[in-house]
Protein backbone atom coordinates (compact mmCIF):
# COMPACT_ATOMS: atom_id res chain seq x y z
CA MET A 1 0.30 0.36 0.09
CA SER A 2 1.45 3.79 -1.04
CA GLN A 3 1.31 6.00 1.88
CA GLY A 4 -0.76 9.57 1.22
CA ASN A 5 -1.80 8.85 -2.14
CA GLY A 6 -5.13 8.16 -3.73
CA ASN A 7 -6.43 5.10 -1.73
CA LYS A 8 -9.43 5.58 -0.30
CA PRO A 9 -9.55 4.92 4.06
CA GLY A 10 -9.34 1.11 4.06
CA GLY A 11 -6.08 0.92 1.40
CA GLN A 12 -8.48 1.21 -1.63
CA ARG A 13 -7.12 2.00 -4.56
CA THR A 14 -8.12 5.15 -7.15
CA ALA A 15 -7.30 6.08 -10.42
CA TYR A 16 -4.45 8.98 -8.83
CA ASP A 17 -2.34 5.63 -7.89
CA LEU A 18 -2.16 5.14 -11.79
CA ARG A 19 -1.03 8.81 -13.39
CA ARG A 20 2.15 8.47 -13.97
CA ARG A 21 1.42 5.00 -15.29
CA PHE A 22 -1.14 6.27 -17.47
CA GLY A 23 -0.66 9.87 -18.74
CA TRP A 24 -4.12 10.41 -20.52
CA LEU A 25 -5.04 10.39 -17.02
CA ASN A 26 -3.64 14.24 -17.12
CA GLN A 27 -7.36 15.30 -18.13
CA PHE A 28 -8.51 14.35 -14.75
CA THR A 29 -8.61 16.76 -11.29
CA ASP A 30 -6.18 15.21 -8.42
CA ASP A 31 -9.96 15.09 -7.36
CA GLU A 32 -11.35 13.68 -9.76
CA LEU A 33 -9.07 10.55 -9.82
CA ARG A 34 -9.46 9.92 -6.08
CA ALA A 35 -12.96 9.25 -6.69
CA ILE A 36 -12.22 6.83 -9.02
CA SER A 37 -11.76 3.70 -7.58
CA LEU A 38 -9.74 -0.17 -8.64
CA CYS A 39 -11.38 -3.09 -8.27
CA ASP A 40 -8.88 -5.13 -6.61
CA GLU A 41 -6.64 -8.21 -8.73
CA GLY A 42 -8.85 -11.63 -8.53
CA ALA A 43 -11.93 -10.07 -6.95
CA PRO A 44 -15.10 -11.28 -8.70
CA LEU A 45 -16.68 -8.71 -11.08
CA ARG A 46 -20.79 -8.62 -10.63
CA GLU A 47 -22.22 -10.08 -13.72
CA GLY A 48 -24.05 -8.06 -15.94
CA ALA A 49 -22.28 -5.28 -14.76
CA VAL A 50 -20.41 -2.60 -17.13
CA TYR A 51 -16.91 -1.59 -16.78
CA PHE A 52 -14.07 0.23 -17.63
CA ASP A 53 -10.18 -1.13 -17.50
CA ILE A 54 -8.49 2.02 -17.08
CA SER A 55 -5.04 -0.41 -18.66
CA LYS A 56 -7.16 -0.36 -22.51
CA PRO A 57 -8.99 2.45 -22.67
CA GLU A 58 -9.64 1.36 -26.06
CA ARG A 59 -11.96 -1.72 -25.06
CA GLY A 60 -14.26 1.33 -24.27
CA GLU A 61 -17.73 -0.25 -22.17
CA ILE A 62 -16.93 -3.84 -20.44
CA VAL A 63 -19.54 -6.00 -19.40
CA ALA A 64 -18.91 -8.82 -16.78
CA HIS A 65 -19.60 -12.26 -17.41
CA LYS A 66 -20.70 -14.77 -14.49
CA SER A 67 -17.70 -15.94 -12.56
CA GLU A 68 -15.23 -13.57 -14.10
CA THR A 69 -12.74 -12.29 -11.49
CA VAL A 70 -10.43 -8.86 -11.99
CA PRO A 71 -7.26 -10.55 -14.11
CA GLY A 72 -3.62 -9.35 -12.97
CA GLY A 73 -2.26 -6.40 -14.66
CA SER A 74 -6.23 -4.79 -15.33
CA CYS A 75 -7.26 -1.36 -13.31
CA PRO A 76 -11.23 -1.71 -13.89
CA VAL A 77 -13.64 0.86 -12.51
CA LEU A 78 -17.66 -0.46 -12.02
CA ARG A 79 -19.57 2.22 -13.88
CA ASP A 80 -21.68 2.35 -10.73
CA GLU A 81 -19.16 3.63 -8.49
CA VAL A 82 -17.87 6.55 -10.38
CA SER A 83 -20.26 9.53 -11.61
CA SER A 84 -22.08 10.40 -14.89
CA LYS A 85 -20.18 13.29 -15.34
CA THR A 86 -16.73 10.90 -15.00
CA TRP A 87 -17.61 7.80 -16.58
CA GLN A 88 -18.48 9.55 -20.26
CA LYS A 89 -15.08 11.36 -19.36
CA LEU A 90 -13.06 7.83 -18.95
CA LEU A 91 -15.40 7.38 -21.94
CA SER A 92 -14.64 10.10 -24.31
CA PHE A 93 -10.69 10.97 -24.04
CA PRO A 94 -9.32 7.40 -25.02
CA ARG A 95 -11.35 7.30 -28.10
CA SER A 96 -11.02 10.89 -29.27
CA ARG A 97 -7.02 10.87 -29.11
CA GLN A 98 -6.78 8.04 -30.83
CA ALA A 99 -8.86 9.14 -33.10
CA GLY A 100 -6.59 12.27 -33.50
CA GLN A 101 -3.59 10.29 -34.19
């Protein structure tokens, strides 16, 4: 667990912890990044729930299937745990950036 970073109380990782690893997250403020909770590696995904993997933004929205768990190296965000504005920002930036390249 990192110290004095974007972890929420209880040690929950947030997108703030990934801001240096994924430069495209620079479009978000530190407060926005701290509000984006990440699912823990190996945790079960909720069947039918919608996720976004910060490590693979080109995939867009991902719907979880039965018995899926968070794979190692991924950084999924559960749609239900972020604001609509933040969700739209997650979905739009990587695609618009790729289109302009």
